N, C-alpha and C. Protein backbone atom coordinates (compact mmCIF):
# COMPACT_ATOMS: atom_id res chain seq x y z
N ASN A 1 197.36 162.87 -76.94
CA ASN A 1 196.70 162.11 -77.97
C ASN A 1 197.11 162.38 -79.36
N PRO A 2 197.94 161.49 -80.11
CA PRO A 2 198.43 161.72 -81.44
C PRO A 2 197.46 162.05 -82.43
N ALA A 3 196.20 161.54 -82.41
CA ALA A 3 195.13 161.75 -83.26
C ALA A 3 194.89 163.20 -83.31
N ASN A 4 194.74 163.76 -81.99
CA ASN A 4 194.52 165.28 -81.99
C ASN A 4 195.63 165.97 -82.55
N GLU A 5 196.85 165.52 -82.40
CA GLU A 5 198.01 166.30 -83.05
C GLU A 5 197.88 166.19 -84.61
N ILE A 6 197.44 165.11 -85.18
CA ILE A 6 197.29 165.02 -86.63
C ILE A 6 196.22 166.05 -87.13
N VAL A 7 195.19 166.19 -86.27
CA VAL A 7 194.27 167.36 -86.52
C VAL A 7 194.81 168.76 -86.44
N GLU A 8 195.80 168.97 -85.53
CA GLU A 8 196.54 170.14 -85.40
C GLU A 8 197.29 170.32 -86.63
N ILE A 9 198.02 169.28 -87.18
CA ILE A 9 198.77 169.55 -88.32
C ILE A 9 197.96 169.73 -89.61
N ILE A 10 196.83 169.07 -89.79
CA ILE A 10 195.96 169.29 -90.78
C ILE A 10 195.57 170.90 -90.72
N ASN A 11 195.13 171.25 -89.63
CA ASN A 11 194.61 172.62 -89.64
C ASN A 11 195.66 173.71 -89.70
N ALA A 12 196.95 173.36 -89.41
CA ALA A 12 197.93 174.33 -89.54
C ALA A 12 198.30 174.34 -91.12
N ASN A 13 198.33 173.18 -91.74
CA ASN A 13 198.49 173.27 -93.22
C ASN A 13 197.47 173.79 -93.89
N ARG A 14 196.07 173.72 -93.52
CA ARG A 14 195.19 174.38 -94.19
C ARG A 14 195.14 176.04 -94.01
N THR A 15 195.53 176.36 -92.84
CA THR A 15 195.49 177.81 -92.68
C THR A 15 196.76 178.51 -93.28
N SER A 16 197.81 177.59 -93.41
CA SER A 16 198.88 178.13 -94.27
C SER A 16 198.66 178.41 -95.73
N ASN A 17 197.53 177.70 -96.18
CA ASN A 17 197.18 177.86 -97.50
C ASN A 17 195.79 178.65 -97.53
N LYS A 18 195.63 179.33 -96.55
CA LYS A 18 194.40 180.27 -96.47
C LYS A 18 193.07 179.59 -96.67
N LEU A 19 192.96 178.54 -95.98
CA LEU A 19 191.73 177.67 -95.94
C LEU A 19 191.32 177.57 -94.51
N PRO A 20 189.92 177.57 -94.25
CA PRO A 20 189.59 177.66 -92.92
C PRO A 20 189.76 176.35 -92.17
N ILE A 21 189.97 176.43 -90.72
CA ILE A 21 190.34 175.28 -89.94
C ILE A 21 189.13 174.38 -89.89
N LEU A 22 189.26 173.14 -89.57
CA LEU A 22 188.17 172.22 -89.59
C LEU A 22 187.89 171.96 -88.16
N ASN A 23 186.57 171.71 -87.86
CA ASN A 23 186.18 171.30 -86.45
C ASN A 23 186.67 169.84 -86.10
N ASN A 24 187.28 169.88 -85.00
CA ASN A 24 187.63 168.37 -84.56
C ASN A 24 186.42 167.57 -83.97
N ASN A 25 185.86 166.74 -84.69
CA ASN A 25 184.60 166.10 -84.26
C ASN A 25 184.93 164.60 -83.80
N PRO A 26 184.69 164.41 -82.62
CA PRO A 26 185.01 163.03 -81.93
C PRO A 26 183.91 161.94 -82.61
N GLY A 27 182.88 162.23 -83.05
CA GLY A 27 182.16 161.25 -83.71
C GLY A 27 182.79 160.78 -84.99
N LEU A 28 183.30 161.72 -85.81
CA LEU A 28 184.24 161.18 -87.04
C LEU A 28 185.38 160.60 -86.53
N GLY A 29 186.02 161.01 -85.54
CA GLY A 29 187.19 160.39 -84.92
C GLY A 29 186.95 159.01 -84.67
N CYS A 30 186.02 158.76 -83.79
CA CYS A 30 185.62 157.39 -83.47
C CYS A 30 185.28 156.41 -84.58
N MET A 31 184.58 157.06 -85.57
CA MET A 31 184.26 156.41 -87.00
C MET A 31 185.45 156.04 -87.74
N ALA A 32 186.40 157.00 -87.76
CA ALA A 32 187.71 156.65 -88.41
C ALA A 32 188.41 155.55 -87.69
N LEU A 33 188.34 155.44 -86.30
CA LEU A 33 189.17 154.40 -85.58
C LEU A 33 188.43 153.04 -86.03
N GLN A 34 187.01 153.05 -86.12
CA GLN A 34 186.22 151.91 -86.45
C GLN A 34 186.62 151.38 -87.85
N TYR A 35 186.83 152.54 -88.75
CA TYR A 35 187.18 152.24 -90.05
C TYR A 35 188.28 151.31 -90.21
N ILE A 36 189.49 151.77 -89.48
CA ILE A 36 190.78 151.08 -89.58
C ILE A 36 190.75 149.75 -88.85
N MET A 37 189.80 149.52 -87.93
CA MET A 37 189.80 148.24 -87.24
C MET A 37 189.16 147.31 -88.06
N GLU A 38 188.37 147.63 -89.06
CA GLU A 38 187.73 146.74 -90.03
C GLU A 38 188.76 146.51 -90.95
N CYS A 39 189.85 147.26 -91.16
CA CYS A 39 190.80 146.92 -92.10
C CYS A 39 191.55 145.69 -91.70
N GLY A 40 191.77 145.56 -90.34
CA GLY A 40 192.55 144.26 -89.88
C GLY A 40 193.95 144.37 -90.22
N GLY A 41 194.47 143.42 -90.80
CA GLY A 41 195.92 143.50 -91.04
C GLY A 41 196.24 143.77 -92.71
N ASN A 42 195.30 144.30 -93.24
CA ASN A 42 195.28 144.49 -94.78
C ASN A 42 196.27 145.63 -95.03
N CYS A 43 197.50 145.25 -94.82
CA CYS A 43 198.71 146.36 -95.15
C CYS A 43 199.88 145.33 -95.94
N SER A 44 200.17 145.76 -97.02
CA SER A 44 201.34 145.19 -97.66
C SER A 44 202.67 145.24 -96.92
N ARG A 45 203.68 144.55 -97.34
CA ARG A 45 204.93 144.80 -96.84
C ARG A 45 205.55 145.91 -97.29
N ASN A 46 205.03 146.62 -98.37
CA ASN A 46 205.67 147.86 -98.75
C ASN A 46 204.69 149.09 -98.37
N ASN A 47 203.93 148.81 -97.23
CA ASN A 47 203.08 149.74 -96.54
C ASN A 47 202.11 150.43 -97.32
N THR A 48 201.31 149.64 -98.06
CA THR A 48 200.18 150.14 -98.87
C THR A 48 199.03 149.29 -98.40
N SER A 49 197.80 149.97 -98.29
CA SER A 49 196.53 149.37 -97.92
C SER A 49 195.50 149.49 -99.00
N SER A 50 194.84 148.46 -99.29
CA SER A 50 193.65 148.39 -100.29
C SER A 50 192.37 148.14 -99.61
N CYS A 51 192.43 148.60 -98.13
CA CYS A 51 191.13 148.52 -97.47
C CYS A 51 190.15 149.57 -97.67
N THR A 52 188.98 149.09 -98.16
CA THR A 52 187.87 149.94 -98.48
C THR A 52 186.56 149.45 -97.93
N PRO A 53 186.33 149.54 -96.67
CA PRO A 53 184.94 148.97 -96.14
C PRO A 53 183.90 149.54 -96.90
N PRO A 54 182.79 148.89 -96.91
CA PRO A 54 181.55 149.27 -97.82
C PRO A 54 181.11 150.74 -97.22
N GLU A 55 180.63 151.52 -98.11
CA GLU A 55 180.17 152.81 -97.73
C GLU A 55 179.02 152.77 -96.67
N VAL A 56 178.21 151.76 -96.82
CA VAL A 56 177.04 151.60 -96.02
C VAL A 56 177.49 151.39 -94.48
N ASP A 57 178.62 150.75 -94.37
CA ASP A 57 179.14 150.32 -93.04
C ASP A 57 179.40 151.66 -92.18
N ILE A 58 179.83 152.76 -92.82
CA ILE A 58 180.12 153.86 -92.10
C ILE A 58 178.93 154.57 -91.36
N THR A 59 177.77 154.57 -92.09
CA THR A 59 176.55 154.98 -91.34
C THR A 59 175.78 153.98 -90.53
N GLU A 60 175.86 152.72 -91.03
CA GLU A 60 175.04 151.62 -90.53
C GLU A 60 175.81 150.70 -89.24
N VAL A 61 177.10 150.87 -89.37
CA VAL A 61 177.82 150.23 -88.25
C VAL A 61 178.71 151.03 -87.51
N PHE A 62 179.69 151.70 -88.20
CA PHE A 62 180.54 152.71 -87.41
C PHE A 62 179.85 153.62 -86.65
N ALA A 63 178.93 154.36 -87.23
CA ALA A 63 178.20 155.45 -86.50
C ALA A 63 177.52 154.91 -85.17
N PRO A 64 176.58 153.83 -85.36
CA PRO A 64 176.08 153.44 -84.13
C PRO A 64 177.00 152.84 -83.01
N ASN A 65 178.15 152.16 -83.58
CA ASN A 65 179.12 151.81 -82.59
C ASN A 65 179.86 152.93 -81.82
N CYS A 66 179.79 154.13 -82.41
CA CYS A 66 180.31 155.19 -81.76
C CYS A 66 179.27 155.97 -81.03
N GLY A 67 178.12 155.59 -81.08
CA GLY A 67 177.06 156.57 -80.32
C GLY A 67 176.73 157.84 -80.98
N VAL A 68 177.01 157.70 -82.40
CA VAL A 68 176.59 158.97 -83.14
C VAL A 68 174.92 158.93 -83.24
N GLU A 69 174.43 160.05 -82.89
CA GLU A 69 172.91 160.19 -82.94
C GLU A 69 172.43 160.15 -84.33
N LEU A 70 171.70 159.26 -84.87
CA LEU A 70 171.35 159.07 -86.08
C LEU A 70 170.84 160.27 -86.95
N PRO A 71 169.98 161.25 -86.30
CA PRO A 71 169.50 162.26 -87.07
C PRO A 71 170.77 163.39 -87.59
N THR A 72 171.99 163.11 -86.89
CA THR A 72 173.02 164.05 -87.10
C THR A 72 174.07 163.38 -88.05
N ILE A 73 173.84 162.23 -88.50
CA ILE A 73 174.77 161.60 -89.63
C ILE A 73 174.77 162.40 -90.96
N ASP A 74 175.80 162.76 -91.53
CA ASP A 74 175.77 163.67 -92.67
C ASP A 74 176.75 163.02 -93.72
N ILE A 75 177.10 163.81 -94.63
CA ILE A 75 177.89 163.27 -95.67
C ILE A 75 179.46 163.32 -95.24
N ILE A 76 180.02 161.98 -95.63
CA ILE A 76 181.62 162.09 -95.60
C ILE A 76 182.09 162.64 -96.90
N SER A 77 182.84 163.73 -96.77
CA SER A 77 183.12 164.35 -97.98
C SER A 77 184.56 163.91 -98.45
N GLY A 78 185.11 163.18 -97.77
CA GLY A 78 186.55 162.74 -98.15
C GLY A 78 187.15 161.87 -97.05
N ARG A 79 188.07 161.01 -97.47
CA ARG A 79 188.70 160.08 -96.53
C ARG A 79 190.25 159.89 -96.99
N LEU A 80 191.12 159.74 -95.86
CA LEU A 80 192.54 159.25 -96.26
C LEU A 80 192.89 158.08 -95.27
N VAL A 81 193.41 157.11 -95.94
CA VAL A 81 193.79 155.86 -95.00
C VAL A 81 195.07 155.48 -95.46
N GLY A 82 195.89 155.11 -94.51
CA GLY A 82 197.26 154.49 -94.65
C GLY A 82 197.83 153.67 -93.70
N CYS A 83 198.82 152.81 -93.87
CA CYS A 83 199.16 151.93 -92.99
C CYS A 83 200.76 151.86 -93.10
N ASN A 84 201.36 151.37 -91.95
CA ASN A 84 202.82 151.21 -91.99
C ASN A 84 203.08 150.10 -90.90
N TRP A 85 204.04 149.26 -91.07
CA TRP A 85 204.42 148.25 -90.22
C TRP A 85 205.18 148.79 -88.95
N ASN A 86 205.65 149.99 -88.94
CA ASN A 86 206.22 150.68 -87.90
C ASN A 86 205.31 151.81 -87.37
N TYR A 87 205.34 152.00 -86.11
CA TYR A 87 204.76 153.19 -85.52
C TYR A 87 205.47 154.49 -85.92
N LEU A 88 204.71 155.45 -86.39
CA LEU A 88 205.30 156.63 -86.82
C LEU A 88 204.73 157.77 -86.02
N ASP A 89 205.50 158.93 -85.66
CA ASP A 89 204.89 159.87 -84.77
C ASP A 89 203.99 160.69 -85.67
N PRO A 90 203.11 161.45 -85.12
CA PRO A 90 201.99 162.25 -86.00
C PRO A 90 202.51 162.95 -87.24
N LEU A 91 203.70 163.59 -87.07
CA LEU A 91 204.18 164.33 -88.35
C LEU A 91 204.62 163.37 -89.32
N GLU A 92 205.36 162.35 -88.87
CA GLU A 92 205.76 161.37 -89.84
C GLU A 92 204.72 160.64 -90.50
N ALA A 93 203.52 160.35 -89.69
CA ALA A 93 202.39 159.64 -90.29
C ALA A 93 201.66 160.44 -91.27
N TYR A 94 201.56 161.71 -90.95
CA TYR A 94 200.93 162.70 -91.79
C TYR A 94 201.54 162.81 -93.13
N ALA A 95 202.86 162.89 -93.14
CA ALA A 95 203.66 163.26 -94.29
C ALA A 95 203.87 161.99 -95.19
N ALA A 96 204.22 160.97 -94.60
CA ALA A 96 204.58 159.68 -95.24
C ALA A 96 203.39 158.68 -95.57
N VAL A 97 202.44 158.79 -94.71
CA VAL A 97 201.39 157.74 -94.94
C VAL A 97 199.95 158.45 -95.46
N LEU A 98 199.55 159.44 -94.73
CA LEU A 98 198.27 160.04 -94.95
C LEU A 98 198.29 161.02 -96.23
N VAL A 99 199.24 161.86 -96.21
CA VAL A 99 199.45 163.01 -97.27
C VAL A 99 200.84 162.90 -97.97
N PRO A 100 201.02 161.91 -98.79
CA PRO A 100 202.37 161.80 -99.43
C PRO A 100 202.46 162.39 -100.64
N ASP A 101 201.33 162.87 -101.44
CA ASP A 101 201.36 163.29 -102.78
C ASP A 101 200.37 164.26 -103.08
N ASN A 102 200.43 164.82 -104.25
CA ASN A 102 199.48 165.93 -104.64
C ASN A 102 197.88 165.39 -104.64
N LYS A 103 197.74 164.10 -104.96
CA LYS A 103 196.38 163.53 -104.90
C LYS A 103 195.77 163.69 -103.64
N THR A 104 196.60 163.22 -102.52
CA THR A 104 195.98 163.18 -101.20
C THR A 104 195.95 164.62 -100.67
N LEU A 105 196.85 165.46 -101.08
CA LEU A 105 196.87 166.80 -100.68
C LEU A 105 195.63 167.46 -101.23
N SER A 106 195.25 167.18 -102.34
CA SER A 106 194.07 167.78 -102.95
C SER A 106 192.70 167.54 -102.11
N ILE A 107 192.73 166.26 -101.56
CA ILE A 107 191.56 166.03 -100.66
C ILE A 107 191.77 166.77 -99.31
N LEU A 108 192.76 166.95 -98.80
CA LEU A 108 192.98 167.59 -97.54
C LEU A 108 192.55 169.25 -97.74
N TYR A 109 192.83 169.60 -99.10
CA TYR A 109 192.65 171.01 -99.33
C TYR A 109 191.26 171.42 -99.96
N GLN A 110 190.25 170.31 -99.94
CA GLN A 110 189.07 170.71 -100.52
C GLN A 110 188.24 171.67 -99.55
N LYS A 111 187.65 172.63 -100.26
CA LYS A 111 187.12 173.73 -99.57
C LYS A 111 185.86 173.54 -98.95
N ASN A 112 185.06 172.15 -99.37
CA ASN A 112 183.73 172.12 -98.85
C ASN A 112 183.75 171.29 -97.45
N HIS A 113 185.10 170.86 -96.92
CA HIS A 113 185.18 170.26 -95.60
C HIS A 113 184.93 171.33 -94.52
N THR A 114 184.24 170.68 -93.56
CA THR A 114 183.91 171.64 -92.42
C THR A 114 184.41 170.98 -91.00
N GLU A 115 184.52 169.61 -91.20
CA GLU A 115 184.82 168.95 -89.97
C GLU A 115 185.78 167.81 -90.26
N VAL A 116 186.47 167.31 -89.25
CA VAL A 116 187.50 166.35 -89.50
C VAL A 116 187.53 165.29 -88.31
N GLY A 117 187.91 163.97 -88.51
CA GLY A 117 188.16 163.09 -87.55
C GLY A 117 189.43 162.30 -87.79
N VAL A 118 190.13 161.85 -86.77
CA VAL A 118 191.36 161.09 -86.88
C VAL A 118 191.38 159.82 -86.10
N GLY A 119 191.56 158.71 -86.65
CA GLY A 119 191.72 157.45 -85.86
C GLY A 119 192.98 156.80 -86.23
N LEU A 120 193.65 156.17 -85.21
CA LEU A 120 194.87 155.43 -85.47
C LEU A 120 194.90 154.25 -84.34
N GLY A 121 195.46 153.16 -84.80
CA GLY A 121 195.78 152.10 -84.05
C GLY A 121 196.19 150.80 -84.86
N ARG A 122 196.17 149.62 -84.18
CA ARG A 122 196.46 148.42 -84.68
C ARG A 122 195.60 147.41 -84.07
N THR A 123 195.23 146.23 -84.78
CA THR A 123 194.39 145.32 -84.31
C THR A 123 194.93 144.27 -83.43
N GLY A 124 196.26 144.35 -83.26
CA GLY A 124 196.85 143.38 -82.41
C GLY A 124 198.40 143.44 -82.48
N ASN A 125 199.35 142.64 -81.66
CA ASN A 125 200.66 142.64 -81.63
C ASN A 125 200.98 142.00 -82.98
N LYS A 126 202.20 142.70 -83.43
CA LYS A 126 202.75 142.09 -84.73
C LYS A 126 201.85 142.46 -86.04
N LYS A 127 200.81 143.31 -85.89
CA LYS A 127 200.06 143.79 -86.80
C LYS A 127 200.46 145.14 -87.17
N PRO A 128 200.17 145.56 -88.50
CA PRO A 128 200.50 146.97 -88.92
C PRO A 128 199.80 147.99 -88.25
N PHE A 129 200.27 149.20 -88.24
CA PHE A 129 199.57 150.48 -87.67
C PHE A 129 198.83 151.09 -88.81
N PHE A 130 197.53 151.44 -88.58
CA PHE A 130 196.64 152.24 -89.47
C PHE A 130 196.28 153.64 -89.06
N TRP A 131 196.21 154.50 -89.96
CA TRP A 131 195.65 155.77 -89.65
C TRP A 131 194.59 156.24 -90.65
N CYS A 132 193.67 156.84 -90.17
CA CYS A 132 192.47 157.28 -91.07
C CYS A 132 192.10 158.60 -90.71
N ILE A 133 191.78 159.38 -91.70
CA ILE A 133 191.16 160.64 -91.60
C ILE A 133 189.74 160.70 -92.23
N LEU A 134 188.69 161.07 -91.68
CA LEU A 134 187.49 161.28 -92.23
C LEU A 134 186.98 162.75 -92.23
N PHE A 135 186.60 163.21 -93.36
CA PHE A 135 186.17 164.61 -93.49
C PHE A 135 184.60 164.56 -93.67
N SER A 136 184.09 165.69 -93.22
CA SER A 136 182.51 166.02 -93.42
C SER A 136 182.36 167.33 -94.05
N SER A 137 181.22 167.55 -94.80
CA SER A 137 180.89 168.88 -95.29
C SER A 137 179.61 169.40 -94.65
N GLY A 138 179.26 168.70 -93.50
CA GLY A 138 177.94 169.10 -92.87
C GLY A 138 178.12 170.27 -92.03
N PRO A 139 177.15 170.91 -91.38
CA PRO A 139 177.14 171.92 -90.69
C PRO A 139 178.01 171.78 -89.34
N SER A 140 179.05 172.70 -89.05
CA SER A 140 179.88 172.47 -88.03
C SER A 140 179.22 172.54 -86.58
N ASN A 141 179.71 171.63 -85.85
CA ASN A 141 179.19 171.41 -84.40
C ASN A 141 177.78 170.81 -84.44
N SER A 142 177.00 170.37 -85.56
CA SER A 142 175.79 169.84 -85.40
C SER A 142 175.62 168.48 -86.21
N THR A 143 176.71 168.07 -86.66
CA THR A 143 176.90 166.75 -87.38
C THR A 143 177.75 165.70 -86.58
N PHE A 144 177.33 164.48 -86.80
CA PHE A 144 178.08 163.39 -86.14
C PHE A 144 178.14 163.60 -84.62
N VAL A 145 177.04 164.06 -84.02
CA VAL A 145 177.02 164.36 -82.65
C VAL A 145 177.01 162.95 -81.89
N VAL A 146 177.83 162.89 -80.83
CA VAL A 146 178.01 161.63 -80.15
C VAL A 146 177.22 161.77 -78.78
N ASP A 147 176.26 160.65 -78.51
CA ASP A 147 175.73 160.59 -77.23
C ASP A 147 176.68 159.82 -76.35
N SER A 148 177.40 160.61 -75.46
CA SER A 148 178.40 159.88 -74.50
C SER A 148 177.94 158.79 -73.86
N LYS A 149 176.73 158.60 -73.62
CA LYS A 149 176.33 157.40 -72.77
C LYS A 149 176.21 156.14 -73.67
N GLU A 150 176.14 156.25 -75.02
CA GLU A 150 175.98 155.36 -75.89
C GLU A 150 177.36 154.93 -76.59
N MET A 151 178.48 155.76 -76.27
CA MET A 151 179.58 155.47 -77.08
C MET A 151 180.26 154.17 -76.48
N VAL A 152 180.77 153.28 -77.31
CA VAL A 152 181.32 152.04 -77.07
C VAL A 152 182.85 152.35 -76.85
N LYS A 153 183.31 151.92 -75.56
CA LYS A 153 184.80 152.18 -75.32
C LYS A 153 185.59 151.47 -76.25
N GLN A 154 186.58 152.09 -76.74
CA GLN A 154 187.38 151.60 -77.71
C GLN A 154 188.52 150.91 -77.15
N LYS A 155 188.80 149.64 -77.46
CA LYS A 155 189.78 148.70 -76.73
C LYS A 155 191.19 149.04 -77.29
N HIS A 156 191.28 149.41 -78.57
CA HIS A 156 192.66 149.62 -79.26
C HIS A 156 192.78 150.98 -79.90
N GLY A 157 193.86 151.60 -79.87
CA GLY A 157 194.15 152.81 -80.64
C GLY A 157 193.34 153.89 -79.92
N CYS A 158 193.32 155.13 -80.70
CA CYS A 158 192.68 156.33 -80.26
C CYS A 158 192.13 157.05 -81.41
N PHE A 159 191.38 158.18 -80.93
CA PHE A 159 190.75 159.00 -81.91
C PHE A 159 190.72 160.40 -81.50
N SER A 160 190.42 161.29 -82.36
CA SER A 160 190.62 162.71 -82.21
C SER A 160 189.21 163.17 -81.60
N GLY A 161 189.29 164.43 -81.10
CA GLY A 161 188.20 165.09 -80.62
C GLY A 161 187.92 164.92 -79.16
N ILE A 162 188.63 163.95 -78.44
CA ILE A 162 188.51 163.77 -76.96
C ILE A 162 189.85 164.11 -76.32
N GLY A 163 189.92 164.22 -75.15
CA GLY A 163 191.24 164.36 -74.45
C GLY A 163 192.06 163.23 -74.06
N SER A 164 191.35 161.99 -74.07
CA SER A 164 191.83 160.73 -73.58
C SER A 164 193.18 160.43 -74.30
N THR A 165 193.99 159.73 -73.72
CA THR A 165 195.15 159.11 -74.43
C THR A 165 194.81 157.68 -75.12
N CYS A 166 195.69 157.30 -75.90
CA CYS A 166 195.61 156.11 -76.81
C CYS A 166 195.47 154.97 -75.73
N ASN A 167 194.61 153.99 -76.15
CA ASN A 167 194.57 152.66 -75.32
C ASN A 167 195.63 151.69 -76.02
N SER A 168 196.10 150.79 -75.16
CA SER A 168 196.77 149.66 -75.60
C SER A 168 198.35 149.82 -75.60
N SER A 169 198.89 150.89 -76.04
CA SER A 169 200.47 150.78 -76.39
C SER A 169 201.16 151.88 -76.07
N SER A 170 202.31 151.80 -75.43
CA SER A 170 203.20 152.95 -75.25
C SER A 170 203.64 153.38 -76.59
N LYS A 171 203.63 152.56 -77.55
CA LYS A 171 204.10 153.00 -78.94
C LYS A 171 203.30 154.09 -79.48
N LEU A 172 202.12 154.20 -79.15
CA LEU A 172 201.21 155.26 -79.51
C LEU A 172 201.42 156.47 -78.54
N SER A 173 202.57 157.04 -78.79
CA SER A 173 203.12 158.12 -77.90
C SER A 173 202.85 159.52 -78.56
N SER A 174 203.08 160.56 -77.87
CA SER A 174 202.68 161.84 -78.48
C SER A 174 203.97 162.31 -79.12
N MET A 175 203.75 163.39 -79.89
CA MET A 175 204.91 163.92 -80.80
C MET A 175 205.84 164.56 -79.98
N SER A 176 207.19 164.16 -80.31
CA SER A 176 208.42 164.66 -79.59
C SER A 176 208.65 166.17 -79.88
N GLY A 177 209.41 166.74 -79.07
CA GLY A 177 209.73 168.21 -79.25
C GLY A 177 210.21 168.46 -80.72
N LEU A 178 211.24 167.55 -80.96
CA LEU A 178 211.84 167.71 -82.33
C LEU A 178 210.70 167.64 -83.47
N SER A 179 209.75 166.78 -83.34
CA SER A 179 208.65 166.78 -84.38
C SER A 179 207.86 167.98 -84.34
N SER A 180 207.62 168.66 -83.12
CA SER A 180 206.90 169.77 -83.15
C SER A 180 207.56 170.96 -83.96
N CYS A 181 209.03 170.93 -83.76
CA CYS A 181 209.78 171.97 -84.69
C CYS A 181 209.67 171.67 -86.17
N LEU A 182 209.74 170.44 -86.43
CA LEU A 182 209.75 170.06 -87.83
C LEU A 182 208.36 170.22 -88.48
N LEU A 183 207.22 170.36 -87.63
CA LEU A 183 205.90 170.54 -88.23
C LEU A 183 206.05 171.93 -88.92
N LEU A 184 206.61 173.02 -88.36
CA LEU A 184 206.47 174.37 -88.94
C LEU A 184 207.41 174.27 -90.32
N VAL A 185 208.58 173.61 -90.35
CA VAL A 185 209.27 173.49 -91.54
C VAL A 185 208.54 172.73 -92.64
N PHE A 186 207.92 171.65 -92.24
CA PHE A 186 207.16 170.84 -93.08
C PHE A 186 205.94 171.81 -93.80
N ILE A 187 205.26 172.49 -92.84
CA ILE A 187 204.26 173.27 -93.40
C ILE A 187 204.75 174.27 -94.43
N TYR A 188 205.79 174.84 -94.08
CA TYR A 188 206.36 175.97 -94.97
C TYR A 188 206.82 175.20 -96.33
N PHE A 189 207.51 174.12 -96.22
CA PHE A 189 207.90 173.33 -97.42
C PHE A 189 206.66 172.94 -98.11
N CYS A 190 205.60 172.41 -97.72
CA CYS A 190 204.46 172.17 -98.37
C CYS A 190 203.88 173.43 -99.27
N SER A 191 203.77 174.37 -98.62
CA SER A 191 203.25 175.66 -99.16
C SER A 191 204.09 176.16 -100.34
N LEU A 192 205.38 175.95 -100.26
CA LEU A 192 206.35 176.25 -101.34
C LEU A 192 206.21 175.19 -102.49
N CYS A 193 206.18 173.91 -102.09
CA CYS A 193 206.49 172.85 -102.97
C CYS A 193 205.07 172.71 -103.76
N PHE A 194 204.02 172.63 -103.15
CA PHE A 194 202.71 172.35 -103.99
C PHE A 194 202.05 173.61 -104.53
N ASN A 195 202.39 174.70 -103.92
CA ASN A 195 201.96 176.04 -104.30
C ASN A 195 200.42 176.16 -104.61
N ILE A 196 199.67 175.51 -103.55
CA ILE A 196 198.27 175.33 -103.82
C ILE A 196 197.55 176.54 -103.05
């Protein structure tokens, strides 16, 4: 599952900068997928997205759609959203789409984050690919808890926190061996470059 691989990249990057790892939360992951599904095809030809669903949708639409138990909904402490007209493997998506600069890196490195969820997918053929990371600062393992009986089966894309593979496309494939090796080089480069 490439969404889980992006969480691994996030946590490797945080630990290389002496920050605690984040809990991989399936409720947040599912909500991140819902977030990008609402973006539809809102991606320019130069791979930028201005998609910002209303804040209220996160708790009143995405959470119920994902079977998140209402009393466990907490604060979303950060979000990163990006798009590309081509599918990118997890490391490329992380570096080029989600965390391409100091501004986005500062969101990743916020100390108050405790949990993370990643969603990725596209709304149909010939549509752009979207990636979304949602962060929470709530108590780990007790926020955005999913009632598995209530979770709506996702028809497109995939999200982190679960073991299943992506729905819909062979293009949503896992990270290649080469990308795995590049991950370590990338993390080392980031720690030298940004010196955070």
